[in-house]
Amino acid sequence: MLFAVTCLDKPGALETRLANRAAHLEYAAKLPLVVGGPMLADDGEGMVGSLLVIEAPDRESLEKTLAEDPYAKAGLFQSVTIRPFKKVFPK
């Protein structure tokens, strides 16, 4: 099953994001991602969160996977929203 995951950083947490970025990217590279990357500030430069579309057997296993992410362990996120996702495009 696919899930869309949006994670919003805590205000002022750019240093936390940058300090854990290499470990996060290494962790994310091993995940069954359809797409993933940082959400940007309105200026198109600063990172303010993460967006993932990821495959997981169920929500519970996905939550366990997300909890092991270095960003989550560092307390980067103000909020995390998980929604089931149906891929339509591209086919």
N, C-alpha and C. Protein backbone atom coordinates (compact mmCIF):
# COMPACT_ATOMS: atom_id res chain seq x y z
N MET A 1 0.85 -1.17 0.00
CA MET A 1 0.00 0.00 0.00
C MET A 1 0.89 1.23 0.00
N LEU A 2 0.46 2.26 -0.74
CA LEU A 2 1.20 3.52 -0.75
C LEU A 2 0.64 4.48 0.28
N PHE A 3 1.54 5.28 0.83
CA PHE A 3 1.18 6.32 1.79
C PHE A 3 1.88 7.61 1.41
N ALA A 4 1.16 8.72 1.54
CA ALA A 4 1.76 10.05 1.41
C ALA A 4 2.05 10.55 2.82
N VAL A 5 3.27 10.98 3.04
CA VAL A 5 3.71 11.43 4.36
C VAL A 5 4.21 12.86 4.23
N THR A 6 3.63 13.77 4.99
CA THR A 6 4.13 15.14 5.05
C THR A 6 4.62 15.42 6.46
N CYS A 7 5.82 15.92 6.54
CA CYS A 7 6.46 16.23 7.81
C CYS A 7 6.83 17.71 7.81
N LEU A 8 6.33 18.46 8.77
CA LEU A 8 6.68 19.87 8.88
C LEU A 8 7.70 20.05 9.99
N ASP A 9 8.78 20.77 9.67
CA ASP A 9 9.82 21.02 10.66
C ASP A 9 9.34 21.96 11.75
N LYS A 10 9.91 21.82 12.93
CA LYS A 10 9.68 22.78 13.99
C LYS A 10 10.26 24.13 13.55
N PRO A 11 9.65 25.23 13.94
CA PRO A 11 10.20 26.54 13.59
C PRO A 11 11.65 26.67 14.09
N GLY A 12 12.50 27.23 13.26
CA GLY A 12 13.88 27.47 13.66
C GLY A 12 14.73 26.23 13.75
N ALA A 13 14.33 25.14 13.09
CA ALA A 13 15.04 23.87 13.23
C ALA A 13 15.98 23.57 12.07
N LEU A 14 16.35 24.57 11.28
CA LEU A 14 17.21 24.32 10.13
C LEU A 14 18.54 23.68 10.55
N GLU A 15 19.12 24.11 11.64
CA GLU A 15 20.38 23.52 12.10
C GLU A 15 20.22 22.03 12.40
N THR A 16 19.10 21.65 13.01
CA THR A 16 18.83 20.24 13.30
C THR A 16 18.72 19.46 12.00
N ARG A 17 18.03 20.03 11.03
CA ARG A 17 17.88 19.37 9.72
C ARG A 17 19.25 19.16 9.08
N LEU A 18 20.04 20.21 9.03
CA LEU A 18 21.34 20.13 8.36
C LEU A 18 22.30 19.18 9.08
N ALA A 19 22.26 19.17 10.41
CA ALA A 19 23.15 18.31 11.19
C ALA A 19 22.84 16.83 10.99
N ASN A 20 21.60 16.51 10.63
CA ASN A 20 21.17 15.12 10.48
C ASN A 20 20.90 14.73 9.03
N ARG A 21 21.15 15.63 8.11
CA ARG A 21 20.80 15.41 6.70
C ARG A 21 21.53 14.21 6.09
N ALA A 22 22.82 14.08 6.28
CA ALA A 22 23.56 12.96 5.68
C ALA A 22 23.03 11.62 6.17
N ALA A 23 22.80 11.50 7.47
CA ALA A 23 22.27 10.25 8.03
C ALA A 23 20.86 9.98 7.52
N HIS A 24 20.06 11.03 7.41
CA HIS A 24 18.69 10.89 6.89
C HIS A 24 18.72 10.39 5.45
N LEU A 25 19.57 10.99 4.60
CA LEU A 25 19.63 10.59 3.20
C LEU A 25 20.10 9.15 3.06
N GLU A 26 21.04 8.74 3.89
CA GLU A 26 21.50 7.35 3.87
C GLU A 26 20.36 6.41 4.26
N TYR A 27 19.60 6.78 5.28
CA TYR A 27 18.46 5.97 5.73
C TYR A 27 17.38 5.92 4.63
N ALA A 28 17.05 7.08 4.07
CA ALA A 28 15.98 7.17 3.08
C ALA A 28 16.31 6.39 1.81
N ALA A 29 17.59 6.30 1.47
CA ALA A 29 18.00 5.58 0.26
C ALA A 29 17.66 4.10 0.33
N LYS A 30 17.44 3.58 1.52
CA LYS A 30 17.14 2.16 1.71
C LYS A 30 15.63 1.88 1.79
N LEU A 31 14.82 2.93 1.72
CA LEU A 31 13.37 2.78 1.86
C LEU A 31 12.70 2.54 0.51
N PRO A 32 11.52 1.91 0.51
CA PRO A 32 10.78 1.71 -0.73
C PRO A 32 10.01 2.98 -1.14
N LEU A 33 10.77 4.03 -1.45
CA LEU A 33 10.17 5.32 -1.80
C LEU A 33 9.73 5.34 -3.25
N VAL A 34 8.57 5.92 -3.50
CA VAL A 34 8.12 6.24 -4.84
C VAL A 34 8.70 7.61 -5.20
N VAL A 35 8.65 8.51 -4.24
CA VAL A 35 9.21 9.86 -4.40
C VAL A 35 9.44 10.41 -2.99
N GLY A 36 10.43 11.26 -2.87
CA GLY A 36 10.70 11.88 -1.57
C GLY A 36 11.62 13.06 -1.73
N GLY A 37 11.48 14.02 -0.84
CA GLY A 37 12.37 15.18 -0.86
C GLY A 37 11.89 16.24 0.10
N PRO A 38 12.69 17.31 0.20
CA PRO A 38 12.33 18.38 1.12
C PRO A 38 11.23 19.28 0.55
N MET A 39 10.36 19.75 1.43
CA MET A 39 9.43 20.81 1.07
C MET A 39 10.16 22.12 1.32
N LEU A 40 9.94 23.07 0.43
CA LEU A 40 10.70 24.31 0.48
C LEU A 40 9.86 25.48 0.98
N ALA A 41 10.55 26.48 1.50
CA ALA A 41 9.91 27.73 1.90
C ALA A 41 9.43 28.46 0.65
N ASP A 42 8.64 29.49 0.83
CA ASP A 42 8.09 30.24 -0.30
C ASP A 42 9.17 30.82 -1.21
N ASP A 43 10.37 31.04 -0.67
CA ASP A 43 11.45 31.57 -1.50
C ASP A 43 12.07 30.50 -2.41
N GLY A 44 11.63 29.24 -2.26
CA GLY A 44 12.15 28.15 -3.07
C GLY A 44 13.53 27.69 -2.65
N GLU A 45 14.04 28.17 -1.55
CA GLU A 45 15.39 27.86 -1.11
C GLU A 45 15.42 27.08 0.21
N GLY A 46 14.90 27.67 1.26
CA GLY A 46 14.96 27.06 2.58
C GLY A 46 14.10 25.82 2.70
N MET A 47 14.58 24.82 3.44
CA MET A 47 13.84 23.58 3.65
C MET A 47 12.98 23.71 4.90
N VAL A 48 11.71 23.35 4.78
CA VAL A 48 10.76 23.51 5.89
C VAL A 48 10.05 22.22 6.27
N GLY A 49 10.38 21.13 5.58
CA GLY A 49 9.71 19.87 5.87
C GLY A 49 10.11 18.82 4.86
N SER A 50 9.41 17.69 4.90
CA SER A 50 9.68 16.59 3.99
C SER A 50 8.37 16.05 3.44
N LEU A 51 8.43 15.57 2.20
CA LEU A 51 7.29 14.92 1.57
C LEU A 51 7.78 13.58 1.04
N LEU A 52 7.06 12.53 1.40
CA LEU A 52 7.40 11.18 0.96
C LEU A 52 6.15 10.50 0.43
N VAL A 53 6.32 9.73 -0.63
CA VAL A 53 5.32 8.73 -1.01
C VAL A 53 6.08 7.42 -0.90
N ILE A 54 5.59 6.57 -0.02
CA ILE A 54 6.34 5.37 0.35
C ILE A 54 5.42 4.16 0.39
N GLU A 55 5.96 3.02 0.03
CA GLU A 55 5.20 1.77 0.06
C GLU A 55 5.45 1.06 1.39
N ALA A 56 4.38 0.60 2.00
CA ALA A 56 4.47 -0.13 3.26
C ALA A 56 3.29 -1.11 3.35
N PRO A 57 3.48 -2.23 4.06
CA PRO A 57 2.39 -3.19 4.17
C PRO A 57 1.16 -2.63 4.88
N ASP A 58 1.39 -1.73 5.85
CA ASP A 58 0.31 -1.14 6.62
C ASP A 58 0.83 0.08 7.36
N ARG A 59 -0.08 0.84 7.93
CA ARG A 59 0.28 2.08 8.62
C ARG A 59 1.19 1.82 9.82
N GLU A 60 0.91 0.77 10.57
CA GLU A 60 1.70 0.47 11.76
C GLU A 60 3.17 0.25 11.42
N SER A 61 3.43 -0.53 10.39
CA SER A 61 4.83 -0.78 10.01
C SER A 61 5.47 0.49 9.46
N LEU A 62 4.70 1.31 8.76
CA LEU A 62 5.22 2.58 8.26
C LEU A 62 5.60 3.49 9.42
N GLU A 63 4.76 3.57 10.43
CA GLU A 63 5.06 4.41 11.60
C GLU A 63 6.35 3.97 12.27
N LYS A 64 6.58 2.66 12.36
CA LYS A 64 7.82 2.16 12.94
C LYS A 64 9.02 2.56 12.09
N THR A 65 8.87 2.45 10.78
CA THR A 65 9.95 2.85 9.86
C THR A 65 10.25 4.33 9.99
N LEU A 66 9.22 5.15 10.03
CA LEU A 66 9.41 6.60 10.14
C LEU A 66 10.06 6.98 11.47
N ALA A 67 9.74 6.27 12.53
CA ALA A 67 10.31 6.57 13.85
C ALA A 67 11.81 6.32 13.89
N GLU A 68 12.32 5.47 13.00
CA GLU A 68 13.76 5.17 12.96
C GLU A 68 14.55 6.16 12.10
N ASP A 69 13.87 7.03 11.39
CA ASP A 69 14.54 8.03 10.56
C ASP A 69 15.35 8.98 11.46
N PRO A 70 16.59 9.28 11.09
CA PRO A 70 17.41 10.19 11.89
C PRO A 70 16.75 11.55 12.14
N TYR A 71 15.98 12.05 11.20
CA TYR A 71 15.26 13.31 11.45
C TYR A 71 14.27 13.15 12.60
N ALA A 72 13.52 12.07 12.59
CA ALA A 72 12.55 11.84 13.67
C ALA A 72 13.26 11.67 15.00
N LYS A 73 14.34 10.91 15.01
CA LYS A 73 15.09 10.69 16.25
C LYS A 73 15.68 11.99 16.80
N ALA A 74 15.99 12.94 15.91
CA ALA A 74 16.55 14.23 16.33
C ALA A 74 15.47 15.21 16.76
N GLY A 75 14.20 14.83 16.62
CA GLY A 75 13.11 15.72 17.04
C GLY A 75 12.87 16.87 16.08
N LEU A 76 13.17 16.68 14.80
CA LEU A 76 13.06 17.76 13.81
C LEU A 76 11.62 18.18 13.56
N PHE A 77 10.69 17.24 13.57
CA PHE A 77 9.35 17.53 13.06
C PHE A 77 8.39 18.07 14.10
N GLN A 78 7.67 19.10 13.68
CA GLN A 78 6.57 19.65 14.47
C GLN A 78 5.33 18.78 14.30
N SER A 79 5.14 18.28 13.08
CA SER A 79 3.98 17.41 12.81
C SER A 79 4.31 16.45 11.68
N VAL A 80 3.65 15.29 11.73
CA VAL A 80 3.76 14.28 10.68
C VAL A 80 2.34 13.83 10.35
N THR A 81 1.99 13.91 9.07
CA THR A 81 0.67 13.47 8.61
C THR A 81 0.87 12.31 7.65
N ILE A 82 0.13 11.24 7.87
CA ILE A 82 0.20 10.05 7.03
C ILE A 82 -1.18 9.80 6.46
N ARG A 83 -1.23 9.65 5.14
CA ARG A 83 -2.50 9.36 4.47
C ARG A 83 -2.28 8.25 3.44
N PRO A 84 -3.22 7.31 3.34
CA PRO A 84 -3.15 6.36 2.23
C PRO A 84 -3.17 7.12 0.91
N PHE A 85 -2.47 6.60 -0.08
CA PHE A 85 -2.29 7.29 -1.34
C PHE A 85 -2.54 6.34 -2.50
N LYS A 86 -3.23 6.83 -3.52
CA LYS A 86 -3.47 6.04 -4.73
C LYS A 86 -2.77 6.71 -5.89
N LYS A 87 -1.77 6.04 -6.45
CA LYS A 87 -1.03 6.59 -7.58
C LYS A 87 -1.87 6.40 -8.85
N VAL A 88 -2.11 7.49 -9.57
CA VAL A 88 -2.84 7.45 -10.81
C VAL A 88 -1.93 7.85 -11.98
N PHE A 89 -1.12 8.88 -11.77
CA PHE A 89 -0.19 9.38 -12.80
C PHE A 89 1.21 9.44 -12.25
N PRO A 90 2.25 9.23 -13.04
CA PRO A 90 2.15 8.63 -14.36
C PRO A 90 1.81 7.15 -14.26
N LYS A 91 1.29 6.62 -15.32
CA LYS A 91 0.89 5.20 -15.33
C LYS A 91 2.07 4.32 -15.45
